[in-house]
Each structure stands twice: as structure tokens, then as C-alpha cells.
Amino acid sequence: GRPSARYDAPYCSQEEVRECDDDCSGNPVRDACQCAYDPAGSPACDCFCVEPWRR
């Protein structure tokens, strides 16, 4: 299977990471998920799809 998504606790929940993985798994190129929190101080988790070798 694909490697588990990176995330920065406590900002990114496992649910968010799983949802991102699901979203990205259908992407033909960027099928890996990377999650990070907003460095500006927002508690929001920002997840996006990346090429697997960019992780």
C-alpha cells in the first residue's frame, strides 16, 4: 500500500488525513497526500495532493 500521510498533530486529524488520502488516491499523478497546518497560526489543517516522490 501507499505510505501513510504525513500530518502535524494536533492540527491535522486522522479523519482529515484519511479523507485527503481518499481524494488523492484518484489523482493519476498526485496520488500522495501531504497535510500541514497554516504557519500563520490558523488551526486549520491544509491537505493537498503531491507527487509521491515529492513527499
N, C-alpha and C. Protein backbone atom coordinates (compact mmCIF):
# COMPACT_ATOMS: atom_id res chain seq x y z
N GLY A 1 0.82 -1.20 0.00
CA GLY A 1 0.00 0.00 0.00
C GLY A 1 0.85 1.25 0.00
N ARG A 2 0.21 2.35 -0.21
CA ARG A 2 0.93 3.62 -0.22
C ARG A 2 1.33 3.99 1.20
N PRO A 3 2.39 4.74 1.36
CA PRO A 3 2.80 5.16 2.70
C PRO A 3 1.73 6.05 3.34
N SER A 4 1.66 6.00 4.65
CA SER A 4 0.66 6.81 5.33
C SER A 4 0.99 8.28 5.17
N ALA A 5 -0.04 9.10 5.21
CA ALA A 5 0.14 10.53 5.01
C ALA A 5 0.87 11.16 6.19
N ARG A 6 1.66 12.15 5.86
CA ARG A 6 2.29 12.93 6.92
C ARG A 6 1.28 13.94 7.45
N TYR A 7 1.31 14.19 8.72
CA TYR A 7 0.46 15.24 9.26
C TYR A 7 1.10 15.79 10.53
N ASP A 8 0.72 17.00 10.86
CA ASP A 8 1.26 17.67 12.02
C ASP A 8 0.20 17.72 13.11
N ALA A 9 0.25 16.82 14.07
CA ALA A 9 -0.68 16.85 15.19
C ALA A 9 -0.35 18.07 16.04
N PRO A 10 -1.30 18.67 16.71
CA PRO A 10 -2.71 18.25 16.75
C PRO A 10 -3.57 18.90 15.69
N TYR A 11 -2.95 19.51 14.69
CA TYR A 11 -3.72 20.31 13.75
C TYR A 11 -4.47 19.46 12.75
N CYS A 12 -3.87 18.37 12.33
CA CYS A 12 -4.49 17.53 11.31
C CYS A 12 -4.98 16.24 11.95
N SER A 13 -6.28 16.02 11.86
CA SER A 13 -6.86 14.82 12.45
C SER A 13 -6.65 13.64 11.51
N GLN A 14 -6.71 12.43 12.09
CA GLN A 14 -6.61 11.23 11.26
C GLN A 14 -7.72 11.22 10.21
N GLU A 15 -8.90 11.72 10.59
CA GLU A 15 -10.01 11.75 9.63
C GLU A 15 -9.65 12.61 8.43
N GLU A 16 -9.09 13.79 8.70
CA GLU A 16 -8.73 14.67 7.60
C GLU A 16 -7.68 14.02 6.71
N VAL A 17 -6.71 13.37 7.33
CA VAL A 17 -5.67 12.71 6.56
C VAL A 17 -6.26 11.60 5.71
N ARG A 18 -7.20 10.84 6.29
CA ARG A 18 -7.83 9.75 5.53
C ARG A 18 -8.62 10.31 4.36
N GLU A 19 -9.38 11.39 4.61
CA GLU A 19 -10.16 11.98 3.54
C GLU A 19 -9.25 12.45 2.42
N CYS A 20 -8.13 13.06 2.81
CA CYS A 20 -7.19 13.54 1.80
C CYS A 20 -6.63 12.36 1.02
N ASP A 21 -6.28 11.28 1.73
CA ASP A 21 -5.78 10.09 1.04
C ASP A 21 -6.80 9.59 0.03
N ASP A 22 -8.09 9.59 0.44
CA ASP A 22 -9.14 9.13 -0.46
C ASP A 22 -9.21 10.04 -1.69
N ASP A 23 -9.17 11.36 -1.44
CA ASP A 23 -9.25 12.31 -2.55
C ASP A 23 -8.07 12.12 -3.50
N CYS A 24 -6.88 11.93 -2.92
CA CYS A 24 -5.68 11.90 -3.75
C CYS A 24 -5.52 10.56 -4.46
N SER A 25 -6.12 9.51 -3.91
CA SER A 25 -5.91 8.19 -4.49
C SER A 25 -6.47 8.12 -5.91
N GLY A 26 -7.43 8.99 -6.24
CA GLY A 26 -8.00 9.00 -7.57
C GLY A 26 -7.26 9.91 -8.53
N ASN A 27 -6.23 10.60 -8.03
CA ASN A 27 -5.48 11.51 -8.87
C ASN A 27 -4.41 10.74 -9.64
N PRO A 28 -4.39 10.83 -10.97
CA PRO A 28 -3.48 9.99 -11.76
C PRO A 28 -2.01 10.33 -11.54
N VAL A 29 -1.71 11.55 -11.14
CA VAL A 29 -0.31 11.95 -10.96
C VAL A 29 0.00 12.18 -9.49
N ARG A 30 -0.77 13.06 -8.86
CA ARG A 30 -0.51 13.40 -7.46
C ARG A 30 -1.35 12.51 -6.56
N ASP A 31 -0.89 11.27 -6.39
CA ASP A 31 -1.71 10.32 -5.62
C ASP A 31 -1.21 10.16 -4.20
N ALA A 32 -0.32 11.05 -3.76
CA ALA A 32 0.11 11.04 -2.36
C ALA A 32 -0.46 12.27 -1.67
N CYS A 33 -0.72 12.13 -0.39
CA CYS A 33 -1.31 13.23 0.36
C CYS A 33 -0.27 13.83 1.30
N GLN A 34 -0.26 15.15 1.38
CA GLN A 34 0.58 15.83 2.37
C GLN A 34 -0.29 16.83 3.11
N CYS A 35 -0.22 16.78 4.44
CA CYS A 35 -1.02 17.68 5.26
C CYS A 35 -0.09 18.53 6.12
N ALA A 36 -0.48 19.78 6.30
CA ALA A 36 0.28 20.68 7.15
C ALA A 36 -0.67 21.73 7.70
N TYR A 37 -0.31 22.29 8.84
CA TYR A 37 -1.14 23.35 9.37
C TYR A 37 -0.63 24.70 8.87
N ASP A 38 -1.52 25.70 8.90
CA ASP A 38 -1.20 27.03 8.43
C ASP A 38 -0.16 27.68 9.34
N PRO A 39 1.01 28.01 8.82
CA PRO A 39 2.05 28.60 9.68
C PRO A 39 1.67 29.97 10.21
N ALA A 40 0.63 30.59 9.66
CA ALA A 40 0.20 31.90 10.13
C ALA A 40 -0.51 31.82 11.48
N GLY A 41 -0.71 30.61 11.98
CA GLY A 41 -1.32 30.46 13.29
C GLY A 41 -2.74 29.93 13.23
N SER A 42 -3.28 29.76 12.04
CA SER A 42 -4.61 29.19 11.93
C SER A 42 -4.57 27.72 12.31
N PRO A 43 -5.56 27.25 13.07
CA PRO A 43 -5.59 25.83 13.44
C PRO A 43 -6.06 24.93 12.31
N ALA A 44 -6.39 25.51 11.17
CA ALA A 44 -6.91 24.70 10.07
C ALA A 44 -5.83 23.79 9.51
N CYS A 45 -6.25 22.61 9.13
CA CYS A 45 -5.34 21.67 8.51
C CYS A 45 -5.44 21.83 7.00
N ASP A 46 -4.32 22.01 6.35
CA ASP A 46 -4.29 22.16 4.91
C ASP A 46 -3.73 20.90 4.29
N CYS A 47 -4.58 20.17 3.57
CA CYS A 47 -4.14 18.94 2.92
C CYS A 47 -4.14 19.15 1.42
N PHE A 48 -3.14 18.61 0.76
CA PHE A 48 -3.10 18.72 -0.69
C PHE A 48 -2.42 17.50 -1.28
N CYS A 49 -2.67 17.29 -2.56
CA CYS A 49 -2.13 16.12 -3.23
C CYS A 49 -0.78 16.47 -3.84
N VAL A 50 0.17 15.55 -3.69
CA VAL A 50 1.50 15.77 -4.23
C VAL A 50 1.95 14.52 -4.98
N GLU A 51 2.93 14.70 -5.85
CA GLU A 51 3.54 13.54 -6.48
C GLU A 51 4.24 12.74 -5.39
N PRO A 52 4.14 11.41 -5.47
CA PRO A 52 4.69 10.58 -4.37
C PRO A 52 6.15 10.88 -4.07
N TRP A 53 6.94 11.21 -5.11
CA TRP A 53 8.37 11.42 -4.84
C TRP A 53 8.63 12.79 -4.22
N ARG A 54 7.60 13.65 -4.13
CA ARG A 54 7.79 14.96 -3.52
C ARG A 54 7.55 14.93 -2.02
N ARG A 55 7.05 13.82 -1.53
CA ARG A 55 6.72 13.76 -0.11
C ARG A 55 7.96 13.90 0.74
